């Protein structure tokens, strides 16, 4: 089930996320995977072949501060 991702939630490597409806500049159907986490941000990239991602450098940096304010993300949970 997709749930809104709040700025208080700390992402984990391997989490599946997607942009919420509020982001008209991206395709909501594209799913992303968290590939790196740091204290104030995390990096995501489309869930595709890893070699293709490295070649095309499709990573995006998401700052926790922006979640819910400038960026709407949803996270996949199995609950």
PDB file of N, CA and C in Angstrom:
ATOM      1  N   UNK A   1       0.841  -1.160   0.000  1.00  0.00           N
ATOM      2  CA  UNK A   1       0.000   0.000   0.000  1.00  0.00           C
ATOM      3  C   UNK A   1       0.899   1.239   0.000  1.00  0.00           C
ATOM      4  N   UNK A   2       0.549   2.232  -0.792  1.00  0.00           N
ATOM      5  CA  UNK A   2       1.300   3.476  -0.854  1.00  0.00           C
ATOM      6  C   UNK A   2       0.829   4.413   0.251  1.00  0.00           C
ATOM      7  N   UNK A   3       1.787   4.973   1.002  1.00  0.00           N
ATOM      8  CA  UNK A   3       1.476   5.913   2.086  1.00  0.00           C
ATOM      9  C   UNK A   3       2.318   7.168   1.913  1.00  0.00           C
ATOM     10  N   UNK A   4       1.772   8.339   2.301  1.00  0.00           N
ATOM     11  CA  UNK A   4       2.561   9.577   2.197  1.00  0.00           C
ATOM     12  C   UNK A   4       3.838   9.488   3.028  1.00  0.00           C
ATOM     13  N   UNK A   5       4.904  10.045   2.496  1.00  0.00           N
ATOM     14  CA  UNK A   5       6.190  10.052   3.180  1.00  0.00           C
ATOM     15  C   UNK A   5       6.383  11.422   3.819  1.00  0.00           C
ATOM     16  N   UNK A   6       6.453  11.468   5.141  1.00  0.00           N
ATOM     17  CA  UNK A   6       6.609  12.722   5.879  1.00  0.00           C
ATOM     18  C   UNK A   6       8.085  13.015   6.107  1.00  0.00           C
ATOM     19  N   UNK A   7       8.401  14.284   6.372  1.00  0.00           N
ATOM     20  CA  UNK A   7       9.795  14.672   6.584  1.00  0.00           C
ATOM     21  C   UNK A   7      10.364  14.074   7.871  1.00  0.00           C
ATOM     22  N   UNK A   8       9.515  13.587   8.754  1.00  0.00           N
ATOM     23  CA  UNK A   8       9.983  12.985  10.005  1.00  0.00           C
ATOM     24  C   UNK A   8      10.392  11.528   9.828  1.00  0.00           C
ATOM     25  N   UNK A   9      10.032  10.917   8.694  1.00  0.00           N
ATOM     26  CA  UNK A   9      10.389   9.527   8.428  1.00  0.00           C
ATOM     27  C   UNK A   9      11.785   9.471   7.830  1.00  0.00           C
ATOM     28  N   UNK A  10      12.620   8.610   8.328  1.00  0.00           N
ATOM     29  CA  UNK A  10      13.955   8.419   7.773  1.00  0.00           C
ATOM     30  C   UNK A  10      13.924   7.222   6.828  1.00  0.00           C
ATOM     31  N   UNK A  11      14.299   7.470   5.585  1.00  0.00           N
ATOM     32  CA  UNK A  11      14.282   6.424   4.564  1.00  0.00           C
ATOM     33  C   UNK A  11      15.369   5.393   4.828  1.00  0.00           C
ATOM     34  N   UNK A  12      15.166   4.219   4.282  1.00  0.00           N
ATOM     35  CA  UNK A  12      16.141   3.134   4.360  1.00  0.00           C
ATOM     36  C   UNK A  12      16.526   2.724   2.946  1.00  0.00           C
ATOM     37  N   UNK A  13      17.762   2.284   2.780  1.00  0.00           N
ATOM     38  CA  UNK A  13      18.207   1.806   1.473  1.00  0.00           C
ATOM     39  C   UNK A  13      17.315   0.640   1.066  1.00  0.00           C
ATOM     40  N   UNK A  14      16.835   0.694  -0.157  1.00  0.00           N
ATOM     41  CA  UNK A  14      15.959  -0.359  -0.667  1.00  0.00           C
ATOM     42  C   UNK A  14      14.481  -0.012  -0.609  1.00  0.00           C
ATOM     43  N   UNK A  15      14.103   1.053   0.114  1.00  0.00           N
ATOM     44  CA  UNK A  15      12.696   1.473   0.155  1.00  0.00           C
ATOM     45  C   UNK A  15      12.235   1.854  -1.247  1.00  0.00           C
ATOM     46  N   UNK A  16      10.997   1.515  -1.569  1.00  0.00           N
ATOM     47  CA  UNK A  16      10.387   1.883  -2.847  1.00  0.00           C
ATOM     48  C   UNK A  16       9.545   3.137  -2.630  1.00  0.00           C
ATOM     49  N   UNK A  17       9.754   4.158  -3.473  1.00  0.00           N
ATOM     50  CA  UNK A  17       9.003   5.408  -3.360  1.00  0.00           C
ATOM     51  C   UNK A  17       8.524   5.835  -4.741  1.00  0.00           C
ATOM     52  N   UNK A  18       7.547   6.731  -4.755  1.00  0.00           N
ATOM     53  CA  UNK A  18       7.085   7.353  -6.003  1.00  0.00           C
ATOM     54  C   UNK A  18       6.643   8.763  -5.667  1.00  0.00           C
ATOM     55  N   UNK A  19       6.593   9.614  -6.677  1.00  0.00           N
ATOM     56  CA  UNK A  19       6.129  10.976  -6.477  1.00  0.00           C
ATOM     57  C   UNK A  19       4.616  10.979  -6.365  1.00  0.00           C
ATOM     58  N   UNK A  20       4.089  11.852  -5.504  1.00  0.00           N
ATOM     59  CA  UNK A  20       2.645  11.956  -5.292  1.00  0.00           C
ATOM     60  C   UNK A  20       2.006  12.777  -6.415  1.00  0.00           C
ATOM     61  N   UNK A  21       0.675  12.812  -6.433  1.00  0.00           N
ATOM     62  CA  UNK A  21      -0.082  13.553  -7.453  1.00  0.00           C
ATOM     63  C   UNK A  21       0.266  15.026  -7.507  1.00  0.00           C
ATOM     64  N   UNK A  22       0.737  15.589  -6.405  1.00  0.00           N
ATOM     65  CA  UNK A  22       1.002  17.022  -6.347  1.00  0.00           C
ATOM     66  C   UNK A  22       2.171  17.443  -7.215  1.00  0.00           C
ATOM     67  N   UNK A  23       2.952  16.491  -7.693  1.00  0.00           N
ATOM     68  CA  UNK A  23       4.111  16.797  -8.536  1.00  0.00           C
ATOM     69  C   UNK A  23       3.759  16.564 -10.002  1.00  0.00           C
ATOM     70  N   UNK A  24       3.345  17.609 -10.688  1.00  0.00           N
ATOM     71  CA  UNK A  24       2.929  17.467 -12.075  1.00  0.00           C
ATOM     72  C   UNK A  24       4.108  17.350 -13.034  1.00  0.00           C
ATOM     73  N   UNK A  25       5.331  17.589 -12.570  1.00  0.00           N
ATOM     74  CA  UNK A  25       6.490  17.560 -13.448  1.00  0.00           C
ATOM     75  C   UNK A  25       7.107  16.173 -13.593  1.00  0.00           C
ATOM     76  N   UNK A  26       6.583  15.184 -12.865  1.00  0.00           N
ATOM     77  CA  UNK A  26       7.107  13.823 -12.967  1.00  0.00           C
ATOM     78  C   UNK A  26       5.960  12.841 -13.191  1.00  0.00           C
ATOM     79  N   UNK A  27       6.302  11.682 -13.691  1.00  0.00           N
ATOM     80  CA  UNK A  27       5.331  10.626 -13.924  1.00  0.00           C
ATOM     81  C   UNK A  27       5.088   9.863 -12.624  1.00  0.00           C
ATOM     82  N   UNK A  28       3.858   9.855 -12.152  1.00  0.00           N
ATOM     83  CA  UNK A  28       3.532   9.183 -10.898  1.00  0.00           C
ATOM     84  C   UNK A  28       3.718   7.674 -10.997  1.00  0.00           C
ATOM     85  N   UNK A  29       3.649   7.115 -12.178  1.00  0.00           N
ATOM     86  CA  UNK A  29       3.760   5.669 -12.340  1.00  0.00           C
ATOM     87  C   UNK A  29       5.199   5.168 -12.194  1.00  0.00           C
ATOM     88  N   UNK A  30       6.183   6.055 -12.291  1.00  0.00           N
ATOM     89  CA  UNK A  30       7.574   5.643 -12.143  1.00  0.00           C
ATOM     90  C   UNK A  30       7.884   5.397 -10.674  1.00  0.00           C
ATOM     91  N   UNK A  31       8.401   4.222 -10.366  1.00  0.00           N
ATOM     92  CA  UNK A  31       8.799   3.932  -8.991  1.00  0.00           C
ATOM     93  C   UNK A  31      10.309   4.099  -8.870  1.00  0.00           C
ATOM     94  N   UNK A  32      10.717   4.513  -7.695  1.00  0.00           N
ATOM     95  CA  UNK A  32      12.125   4.770  -7.410  1.00  0.00           C
ATOM     96  C   UNK A  32      12.557   3.924  -6.231  1.00  0.00           C
ATOM     97  N   UNK A  33      13.844   3.699  -6.137  1.00  0.00           N
ATOM     98  CA  UNK A  33      14.407   2.956  -5.016  1.00  0.00           C
ATOM     99  C   UNK A  33      15.417   3.857  -4.309  1.00  0.00           C
ATOM    100  N   UNK A  34      15.388   3.835  -2.983  1.00  0.00           N
ATOM    101  CA  UNK A  34      16.361   4.599  -2.205  1.00  0.00           C
ATOM    102  C   UNK A  34      17.698   3.873  -2.323  1.00  0.00           C
ATOM    103  N   UNK A  35      18.730   4.595  -2.795  1.00  0.00           N
ATOM    104  CA  UNK A  35      20.026   3.966  -3.019  1.00  0.00           C
ATOM    105  C   UNK A  35      21.103   4.458  -2.057  1.00  0.00           C
ATOM    106  N   UNK A  36      20.870   5.584  -1.389  1.00  0.00           N
ATOM    107  CA  UNK A  36      21.852   6.115  -0.448  1.00  0.00           C
ATOM    108  C   UNK A  36      21.124   6.967   0.580  1.00  0.00           C
ATOM    109  N   UNK A  37      21.542   6.866   1.834  1.00  0.00           N
ATOM    110  CA  UNK A  37      20.939   7.693   2.882  1.00  0.00           C
ATOM    111  C   UNK A  37      22.027   8.455   3.620  1.00  0.00           C
ATOM    112  N   UNK A  38      21.725   9.669   3.961  1.00  0.00           N
ATOM    113  CA  UNK A  38      22.597  10.523   4.756  1.00  0.00           C
ATOM    114  C   UNK A  38      21.727  11.177   5.838  1.00  0.00           C
ATOM    115  N   UNK A  39      22.331  11.971   6.674  1.00  0.00           N
ATOM    116  CA  UNK A  39      21.586  12.564   7.790  1.00  0.00           C
ATOM    117  C   UNK A  39      20.475  13.512   7.326  1.00  0.00           C
ATOM    118  N   UNK A  40      20.748  14.348   6.335  1.00  0.00           N
ATOM    119  CA  UNK A  40      19.794  15.373   5.918  1.00  0.00           C
ATOM    120  C   UNK A  40      19.149  15.130   4.553  1.00  0.00           C
ATOM    121  N   UNK A  41      19.535  14.058   3.883  1.00  0.00           N
ATOM    122  CA  UNK A  41      18.971  13.781   2.561  1.00  0.00           C
ATOM    123  C   UNK A  41      19.095  12.302   2.243  1.00  0.00           C
ATOM    124  N   UNK A  42      18.426  11.893   1.163  1.00  0.00           N
ATOM    125  CA  UNK A  42      18.615  10.552   0.623  1.00  0.00           C
ATOM    126  C   UNK A  42      18.571  10.635  -0.886  1.00  0.00           C
ATOM    127  N   UNK A  43      19.138   9.644  -1.542  1.00  0.00           N
ATOM    128  CA  UNK A  43      19.177   9.606  -3.002  1.00  0.00           C
ATOM    129  C   UNK A  43      18.279   8.490  -3.503  1.00  0.00           C
ATOM    130  N   UNK A  44      17.574   8.778  -4.595  1.00  0.00           N
ATOM    131  CA  UNK A  44      16.709   7.787  -5.221  1.00  0.00           C
ATOM    132  C   UNK A  44      17.071   7.681  -6.695  1.00  0.00           C
ATOM    133  N   UNK A  45      16.733   6.543  -7.284  1.00  0.00           N
ATOM    134  CA  UNK A  45      16.868   6.377  -8.722  1.00  0.00           C
ATOM    135  C   UNK A  45      15.759   5.441  -9.191  1.00  0.00           C
ATOM    136  N   UNK A  46      15.379   5.535 -10.451  1.00  0.00           N
ATOM    137  CA  UNK A  46      14.318   4.666 -10.963  1.00  0.00           C
ATOM    138  C   UNK A  46      14.663   3.202 -10.767  1.00  0.00           C
ATOM    139  N   UNK A  47      13.664   2.393 -10.513  1.00  0.00           N
ATOM    140  CA  UNK A  47      13.857   0.958 -10.294  1.00  0.00           C
ATOM    141  C   UNK A  47      14.090   0.265 -11.633  1.00  0.00           C
ATOM    142  N   UNK A  48      15.327   0.309 -12.112  1.00  0.00           N
ATOM    143  CA  UNK A  48      15.721  -0.295 -13.385  1.00  0.00           C
ATOM    144  C   UNK A  48      17.014  -1.063 -13.197  1.00  0.00           C
ATOM    145  N   UNK A  49      17.596  -1.474 -14.278  1.00  0.00           N
ATOM    146  CA  UNK A  49      18.891  -2.150 -14.272  1.00  0.00           C
ATOM    147  C   UNK A  49      19.959  -1.213 -13.709  1.00  0.00           C
ATOM    148  N   UNK A  50      20.721  -1.672 -12.715  1.00  0.00           N
ATOM    149  CA  UNK A  50      21.718  -0.827 -12.045  1.00  0.00           C
ATOM    150  C   UNK A  50      22.786  -0.303 -12.999  1.00  0.00           C
ATOM    151  N   UNK A  51      23.240  -1.096 -13.934  1.00  0.00           N
ATOM    152  CA  UNK A  51      24.259  -0.642 -14.884  1.00  0.00           C
ATOM    153  C   UNK A  51      23.730   0.504 -15.737  1.00  0.00           C
ATOM    154  N   UNK A  52      22.474   0.431 -16.136  1.00  0.00           N
ATOM    155  CA  UNK A  52      21.869   1.495 -16.924  1.00  0.00           C
ATOM    156  C   UNK A  52      21.804   2.775 -16.103  1.00  0.00           C
ATOM    157  N   UNK A  53      21.478   2.650 -14.816  1.00  0.00           N
ATOM    158  CA  UNK A  53      21.387   3.824 -13.948  1.00  0.00           C
ATOM    159  C   UNK A  53      22.737   4.502 -13.792  1.00  0.00           C
ATOM    160  N   UNK A  54      23.767   3.724 -13.594  1.00  0.00           N
ATOM    161  CA  UNK A  54      25.104   4.296 -13.432  1.00  0.00           C
ATOM    162  C   UNK A  54      25.524   5.008 -14.722  1.00  0.00           C
ATOM    163  N   UNK A  55      25.227   4.392 -15.850  1.00  0.00           N
ATOM    164  CA  UNK A  55      25.595   4.976 -17.148  1.00  0.00           C
ATOM    165  C   UNK A  55      24.867   6.296 -17.398  1.00  0.00           C
ATOM    166  N   UNK A  56      23.573   6.359 -17.083  1.00  0.00           N
ATOM    167  CA  UNK A  56      22.770   7.545 -17.378  1.00  0.00           C
ATOM    168  C   UNK A  56      22.674   8.529 -16.216  1.00  0.00           C
ATOM    169  N   UNK A  57      23.204   8.168 -15.042  1.00  0.00           N
ATOM    170  CA  UNK A  57      23.210   9.041 -13.875  1.00  0.00           C
ATOM    171  C   UNK A  57      21.815   9.613 -13.588  1.00  0.00           C
ATOM    172  N   UNK A  58      20.857   8.750 -13.309  1.00  0.00           N
ATOM    173  CA  UNK A  58      19.472   9.157 -13.095  1.00  0.00           C
ATOM    174  C   UNK A  58      19.121   9.367 -11.627  1.00  0.00           C
ATOM    175  N   UNK A  59      20.113   9.515 -10.773  1.00  0.00           N
ATOM    176  CA  UNK A  59      19.838   9.699  -9.346  1.00  0.00           C
ATOM    177  C   UNK A  59      19.241  11.062  -9.067  1.00  0.00           C
ATOM    178  N   UNK A  60      18.380  11.134  -8.043  1.00  0.00           N
ATOM    179  CA  UNK A  60      17.805  12.388  -7.575  1.00  0.00           C
ATOM    180  C   UNK A  60      18.068  12.485  -6.083  1.00  0.00           C
ATOM    181  N   UNK A  61      18.417  13.669  -5.615  1.00  0.00           N
ATOM    182  CA  UNK A  61      18.655  13.902  -4.196  1.00  0.00           C
ATOM    183  C   UNK A  61      17.400  14.516  -3.599  1.00  0.00           C
ATOM    184  N   UNK A  62      16.908  13.928  -2.506  1.00  0.00           N
ATOM    185  CA  UNK A  62      15.714  14.406  -1.812  1.00  0.00           C
ATOM    186  C   UNK A  62      16.126  14.844  -0.413  1.00  0.00           C
ATOM    187  N   UNK A  63      15.917  16.106  -0.086  1.00  0.00           N
ATOM    188  CA  UNK A  63      16.200  16.589   1.260  1.00  0.00           C
ATOM    189  C   UNK A  63      14.978  16.335   2.141  1.00  0.00           C
ATOM    190  N   UNK A  64      15.219  15.824   3.346  1.00  0.00           N
ATOM    191  CA  UNK A  64      14.113  15.554   4.269  1.00  0.00           C
ATOM    192  C   UNK A  64      13.293  16.816   4.522  1.00  0.00           C
ATOM    193  N   UNK A  65      13.951  17.965   4.584  1.00  0.00           N
ATOM    194  CA  UNK A  65      13.273  19.232   4.847  1.00  0.00           C
ATOM    195  C   UNK A  65      12.206  19.536   3.798  1.00  0.00           C
ATOM    196  N   UNK A  66      12.414  19.118   2.557  1.00  0.00           N
ATOM    197  CA  UNK A  66      11.483  19.404   1.459  1.00  0.00           C
ATOM    198  C   UNK A  66      10.249  18.507   1.444  1.00  0.00           C
ATOM    199  N   UNK A  67      10.312  17.367   2.102  1.00  0.00           N
ATOM    200  CA  UNK A  67       9.184  16.433   2.074  1.00  0.00           C
ATOM    201  C   UNK A  67       7.947  17.053   2.707  1.00  0.00           C
ATOM    202  N   UNK A  68       6.866  17.040   1.970  1.00  0.00           N
ATOM    203  CA  UNK A  68       5.612  17.591   2.451  1.00  0.00           C
ATOM    204  C   UNK A  68       5.454  19.073   2.169  1.00  0.00           C
ATOM    205  N   UNK A  69       6.544  19.761   1.877  1.00  0.00           N
ATOM    206  CA  UNK A  69       6.492  21.191   1.575  1.00  0.00           C
ATOM    207  C   UNK A  69       6.664  21.434   0.083  1.00  0.00           C
ATOM    208  N   UNK A  70       7.791  21.029  -0.448  1.00  0.00           N
ATOM    209  CA  UNK A  70       8.085  21.227  -1.861  1.00  0.00           C
ATOM    210  C   UNK A  70       7.944  19.951  -2.685  1.00  0.00           C
ATOM    211  N   UNK A  71       8.057  18.806  -2.028  1.00  0.00           N
ATOM    212  CA  UNK A  71       8.022  17.520  -2.715  1.00  0.00           C
ATOM    213  C   UNK A  71       7.040  16.596  -2.005  1.00  0.00           C
ATOM    214  N   UNK A  72       6.191  15.949  -2.784  1.00  0.00           N
ATOM    215  CA  UNK A  72       5.289  14.947  -2.228  1.00  0.00           C
ATOM    216  C   UNK A  72       5.728  13.567  -2.681  1.00  0.00           C
ATOM    217  N   UNK A  73       6.088  12.720  -1.740  1.00  0.00           N
ATOM    218  CA  UNK A  73       6.491  11.348  -2.045  1.00  0.00           C
ATOM    219  C   UNK A  73       5.598  10.379  -1.298  1.00  0.00           C
ATOM    220  N   UNK A  74       5.452   9.199  -1.867  1.00  0.00           N
ATOM    221  CA  UNK A  74       4.747   8.103  -1.208  1.00  0.00           C
ATOM    222  C   UNK A  74       5.699   6.940  -1.102  1.00  0.00           C
ATOM    223  N   UNK A  75       5.567   6.177  -0.017  1.00  0.00           N
ATOM    224  CA  UNK A  75       6.430   5.023   0.200  1.00  0.00           C
ATOM    225  C   UNK A  75       5.582   3.753   0.197  1.00  0.00           C
ATOM    226  N   UNK A  76       6.134   2.682  -0.348  1.00  0.00           N
ATOM    227  CA  UNK A  76       5.439   1.410  -0.398  1.00  0.00           C
ATOM    228  C   UNK A  76       5.638   0.673   0.922  1.00  0.00           C
ATOM    229  N   UNK A  77       4.536   0.261   1.531  1.00  0.00           N
ATOM    230  CA  UNK A  77       4.589  -0.544   2.737  1.00  0.00           C
ATOM    231  C   UNK A  77       3.741  -1.781   2.516  1.00  0.00           C
ATOM    232  N   UNK A  78       4.127  -2.873   3.115  1.00  0.00           N
ATOM    233  CA  UNK A  78       3.387  -4.112   2.943  1.00  0.00           C
ATOM    234  C   UNK A  78       2.269  -4.269   3.949  1.00  0.00           C
ATOM    235  N   UNK A  79       2.090  -3.313   4.830  1.00  0.00           N
ATOM    236  CA  UNK A  79       1.051  -3.376   5.868  1.00  0.00           C
ATOM    237  C   UNK A  79      -0.247  -2.808   5.369  1.00  0.00           C
TER     238      UNK A  79
END
